[in-house]
Amino acid sequence: MIVRTLAEILGTEREVHAPNWVSRRLLLKQDGMGFSMHETTIHPGTETRMWYRHHLEAVYCVAGEGELEVIADGSVHPIAPGTLYALDRHDRHILRARTELRLVCVFNPPLTGRETHDKDGAYPIEDEATAS
């Protein structure tokens, strides 16, 4: 059984910072669950372009307000506590945070832990992540 607290992750290599967000990686590939789970905080007033071409992601908002724009069709969806979105088609998207957003994110395949977005807004596949 895995029991882990957010407090244990703060300030460790499982806490990954980027200009627009901080991700606390609760479960990673090495944990053997077949997916990874993260608590991600998106900084207020930011806009982040993403395209998880190698991963499927589901996101559940637990705090804050923002919006999600799907680049393919221009549709915009409000994000608020209780909202889930799933990028089941590797959708290119823009996440805008009006206030600080706290999100619970699940990735398949699981992340290894140190990934950050590349120039396209994607996380590398594992072979690319371990090569860097």
C-alpha atoms as a PDB file:
ATOM      1  CA  MET A   1       0.000   0.000   0.000  1.00  0.00           C
ATOM      2  CA  ILE A   2       1.135   3.512  -0.773  1.00  0.00           C
ATOM      3  CA  VAL A   3       0.300   6.242   1.718  1.00  0.00           C
ATOM      4  CA  ARG A   4       1.738   9.645   0.953  1.00  0.00           C
ATOM      5  CA  THR A   5       0.897  13.179   2.056  1.00  0.00           C
ATOM      6  CA  LEU A   6       1.275  16.429   0.207  1.00  0.00           C
ATOM      7  CA  ALA A   7       3.460  17.690   3.068  1.00  0.00           C
ATOM      8  CA  GLU A   8       5.968  14.900   2.342  1.00  0.00           C
ATOM      9  CA  ILE A   9       6.305  16.043  -1.286  1.00  0.00           C
ATOM     10  CA  LEU A  10       6.809  19.766  -0.698  1.00  0.00           C
ATOM     11  CA  GLY A  11      10.401  20.776  -1.360  1.00  0.00           C
ATOM     12  CA  THR A  12      11.402  17.385  -2.830  1.00  0.00           C
ATOM     13  CA  GLU A  13      12.104  16.297  -6.408  1.00  0.00           C
ATOM     14  CA  ARG A  14       8.405  15.374  -6.669  1.00  0.00           C
ATOM     15  CA  GLU A  15       7.550  19.107  -6.554  1.00  0.00           C
ATOM     16  CA  VAL A  16       8.194  20.486 -10.047  1.00  0.00           C
ATOM     17  CA  HIS A  17       8.032  24.222 -10.757  1.00  0.00           C
ATOM     18  CA  ALA A  18       7.447  25.930 -14.105  1.00  0.00           C
ATOM     19  CA  PRO A  19       6.721  29.594 -14.879  1.00  0.00           C
ATOM     20  CA  ASN A  20       2.916  29.149 -14.888  1.00  0.00           C
ATOM     21  CA  TRP A  21       2.453  26.242 -12.470  1.00  0.00           C
ATOM     22  CA  VAL A  22       3.761  23.967  -9.761  1.00  0.00           C
ATOM     23  CA  SER A  23       3.038  20.236  -9.879  1.00  0.00           C
ATOM     24  CA  ARG A  24       3.221  17.960  -6.857  1.00  0.00           C
ATOM     25  CA  ARG A  25       3.610  14.434  -8.195  1.00  0.00           C
ATOM     26  CA  LEU A  26       1.720  12.166  -5.788  1.00  0.00           C
ATOM     27  CA  LEU A  27       1.992   8.970  -7.843  1.00  0.00           C
ATOM     28  CA  LEU A  28       4.571   8.306 -10.553  1.00  0.00           C
ATOM     29  CA  LYS A  29       5.467   5.458 -12.889  1.00  0.00           C
ATOM     30  CA  GLN A  30       7.861   4.026 -10.293  1.00  0.00           C
ATOM     31  CA  ASP A  31       4.888   3.542  -7.951  1.00  0.00           C
ATOM     32  CA  GLY A  32       3.535   0.864 -10.319  1.00  0.00           C
ATOM     33  CA  MET A  33      -0.096   1.988 -10.501  1.00  0.00           C
ATOM     34  CA  GLY A  34      -0.276   2.322 -14.308  1.00  0.00           C
ATOM     35  CA  PHE A  35      -1.055   6.053 -14.105  1.00  0.00           C
ATOM     36  CA  SER A  36       0.384   9.102 -12.379  1.00  0.00           C
ATOM     37  CA  MET A  37      -1.538  11.530 -10.166  1.00  0.00           C
ATOM     38  CA  HIS A  38      -0.587  15.112  -9.442  1.00  0.00           C
ATOM     39  CA  GLU A  39      -1.872  18.109  -7.571  1.00  0.00           C
ATOM     40  CA  THR A  40      -1.152  21.069  -9.815  1.00  0.00           C
ATOM     41  CA  THR A  41      -1.494  24.741  -8.944  1.00  0.00           C
ATOM     42  CA  ILE A  42      -1.859  27.111 -11.899  1.00  0.00           C
ATOM     43  CA  HIS A  43      -0.781  30.653 -11.094  1.00  0.00           C
ATOM     44  CA  PRO A  44      -3.464  33.376 -11.445  1.00  0.00           C
ATOM     45  CA  GLY A  45      -3.452  35.482 -14.588  1.00  0.00           C
ATOM     46  CA  THR A  46      -1.489  32.923 -16.614  1.00  0.00           C
ATOM     47  CA  GLU A  47      -2.207  31.266 -19.946  1.00  0.00           C
ATOM     48  CA  THR A  48      -0.630  27.871 -20.673  1.00  0.00           C
ATOM     49  CA  ARG A  49      -0.689  26.192 -24.092  1.00  0.00           C
ATOM     50  CA  MET A  50      -0.533  22.413 -23.859  1.00  0.00           C
ATOM     51  CA  TRP A  51      -0.687  19.404 -26.148  1.00  0.00           C
ATOM     52  CA  TYR A  52      -0.241  16.028 -24.525  1.00  0.00           C
ATOM     53  CA  ARG A  53       0.433  14.154 -27.732  1.00  0.00           C
ATOM     54  CA  HIS A  54       1.993  11.214 -25.829  1.00  0.00           C
ATOM     55  CA  HIS A  55      -0.361  11.110 -22.824  1.00  0.00           C
ATOM     56  CA  LEU A  56      -4.039  11.051 -21.950  1.00  0.00           C
ATOM     57  CA  GLU A  57      -4.929  13.377 -19.097  1.00  0.00           C
ATOM     58  CA  ALA A  58      -7.971  13.839 -16.875  1.00  0.00           C
ATOM     59  CA  VAL A  59      -8.166  16.982 -14.733  1.00  0.00           C
ATOM     60  CA  TYR A  60     -10.479  17.722 -11.809  1.00  0.00           C
ATOM     61  CA  CYS A  61     -10.698  21.257 -10.430  1.00  0.00           C
ATOM     62  CA  VAL A  62     -10.869  21.516  -6.639  1.00  0.00           C
ATOM     63  CA  ALA A  63     -10.380  25.301  -6.284  1.00  0.00           C
ATOM     64  CA  GLY A  64     -10.201  28.481  -8.355  1.00  0.00           C
ATOM     65  CA  GLU A  65     -11.622  29.756 -11.612  1.00  0.00           C
ATOM     66  CA  GLY A  66     -10.423  29.761 -15.178  1.00  0.00           C
ATOM     67  CA  GLU A  67     -11.231  28.551 -18.644  1.00  0.00           C
ATOM     68  CA  LEU A  68     -10.139  25.905 -21.101  1.00  0.00           C
ATOM     69  CA  GLU A  69      -9.986  26.637 -24.823  1.00  0.00           C
ATOM     70  CA  VAL A  70      -9.878  23.748 -27.288  1.00  0.00           C
ATOM     71  CA  ILE A  71      -7.657  24.934 -30.120  1.00  0.00           C
ATOM     72  CA  ALA A  72      -9.172  22.667 -32.814  1.00  0.00           C
ATOM     73  CA  ASP A  73     -12.638  24.213 -32.640  1.00  0.00           C
ATOM     74  CA  GLY A  74     -12.170  27.348 -30.512  1.00  0.00           C
ATOM     75  CA  SER A  75     -14.692  26.187 -27.924  1.00  0.00           C
ATOM     76  CA  VAL A  76     -14.205  27.657 -24.456  1.00  0.00           C
ATOM     77  CA  HIS A  77     -15.239  25.876 -21.257  1.00  0.00           C
ATOM     78  CA  PRO A  78     -15.401  27.469 -17.796  1.00  0.00           C
ATOM     79  CA  ILE A  79     -13.302  25.754 -15.129  1.00  0.00           C
ATOM     80  CA  ALA A  80     -14.447  25.948 -11.506  1.00  0.00           C
ATOM     81  CA  PRO A  81     -14.534  23.622  -8.497  1.00  0.00           C
ATOM     82  CA  GLY A  82     -16.301  20.399  -9.432  1.00  0.00           C
ATOM     83  CA  THR A  83     -15.369  20.586 -13.140  1.00  0.00           C
ATOM     84  CA  LEU A  84     -13.629  17.644 -14.814  1.00  0.00           C
ATOM     85  CA  TYR A  85     -12.114  17.658 -18.271  1.00  0.00           C
ATOM     86  CA  ALA A  86     -10.481  14.723 -20.025  1.00  0.00           C
ATOM     87  CA  LEU A  87      -8.142  15.155 -22.972  1.00  0.00           C
ATOM     88  CA  ASP A  88      -9.232  11.909 -24.615  1.00  0.00           C
ATOM     89  CA  ARG A  89      -8.112  12.944 -28.103  1.00  0.00           C
ATOM     90  CA  HIS A  90      -4.713  14.423 -27.198  1.00  0.00           C
ATOM     91  CA  ASP A  91      -6.403  17.802 -27.632  1.00  0.00           C
ATOM     92  CA  ARG A  92      -4.298  20.920 -28.065  1.00  0.00           C
ATOM     93  CA  HIS A  93      -5.629  23.380 -25.543  1.00  0.00           C
ATOM     94  CA  ILE A  94      -5.046  26.597 -23.629  1.00  0.00           C
ATOM     95  CA  LEU A  95      -5.685  26.792 -19.905  1.00  0.00           C
ATOM     96  CA  ARG A  96      -6.269  30.285 -18.542  1.00  0.00           C
ATOM     97  CA  ALA A  97      -6.343  30.886 -14.799  1.00  0.00           C
ATOM     98  CA  ARG A  98      -8.362  33.872 -13.607  1.00  0.00           C
ATOM     99  CA  THR A  99      -7.580  32.974 -10.005  1.00  0.00           C
ATOM    100  CA  GLU A 100      -5.211  30.405  -8.589  1.00  0.00           C
ATOM    101  CA  LEU A 101      -6.410  27.020  -9.854  1.00  0.00           C
ATOM    102  CA  ARG A 102      -5.881  23.828  -7.844  1.00  0.00           C
ATOM    103  CA  LEU A 103      -6.248  20.778 -10.024  1.00  0.00           C
ATOM    104  CA  VAL A 104      -5.931  17.036  -9.541  1.00  0.00           C
ATOM    105  CA  CYS A 105      -4.435  15.557 -12.716  1.00  0.00           C
ATOM    106  CA  VAL A 106      -4.115  11.932 -13.805  1.00  0.00           C
ATOM    107  CA  PHE A 107      -1.830  10.868 -16.684  1.00  0.00           C
ATOM    108  CA  ASN A 108      -1.677   7.693 -18.730  1.00  0.00           C
ATOM    109  CA  PRO A 109       0.940   6.525 -19.421  1.00  0.00           C
ATOM    110  CA  PRO A 110       2.291   7.629 -16.041  1.00  0.00           C
ATOM    111  CA  LEU A 111       4.903  10.344 -15.782  1.00  0.00           C
ATOM    112  CA  THR A 112       8.327   9.524 -14.401  1.00  0.00           C
ATOM    113  CA  GLY A 113       8.454  12.728 -12.361  1.00  0.00           C
ATOM    114  CA  ARG A 114      10.730  15.420 -13.764  1.00  0.00           C
ATOM    115  CA  GLU A 115       8.860  16.196 -16.985  1.00  0.00           C
ATOM    116  CA  THR A 116       8.121  19.780 -17.969  1.00  0.00           C
ATOM    117  CA  HIS A 117       6.415  21.011 -21.125  1.00  0.00           C
ATOM    118  CA  ASP A 118       8.410  21.122 -24.363  1.00  0.00           C
ATOM    119  CA  LYS A 119       8.063  23.865 -26.983  1.00  0.00           C
ATOM    120  CA  ASP A 120       4.730  22.371 -28.154  1.00  0.00           C
ATOM    121  CA  GLY A 121       3.318  22.174 -24.616  1.00  0.00           C
ATOM    122  CA  ALA A 122       3.783  18.381 -24.441  1.00  0.00           C
ATOM    123  CA  TYR A 123       5.542  16.112 -22.002  1.00  0.00           C
ATOM    124  CA  PRO A 124       8.126  13.901 -23.672  1.00  0.00           C
ATOM    125  CA  ILE A 125       7.637  10.164 -23.944  1.00  0.00           C
ATOM    126  CA  GLU A 126       9.605   8.232 -21.336  1.00  0.00           C
ATOM    127  CA  ASP A 127      12.584   7.516 -23.628  1.00  0.00           C
ATOM    128  CA  GLU A 128      12.941  11.256 -24.331  1.00  0.00           C
ATOM    129  CA  ALA A 129      12.501  12.143 -20.636  1.00  0.00           C
ATOM    130  CA  THR A 130      15.195   9.739 -19.467  1.00  0.00           C
ATOM    131  CA  ALA A 131      17.599  10.829 -22.205  1.00  0.00           C
ATOM    132  CA  SER A 132      17.646  14.442 -20.992  1.00  0.00           C
END
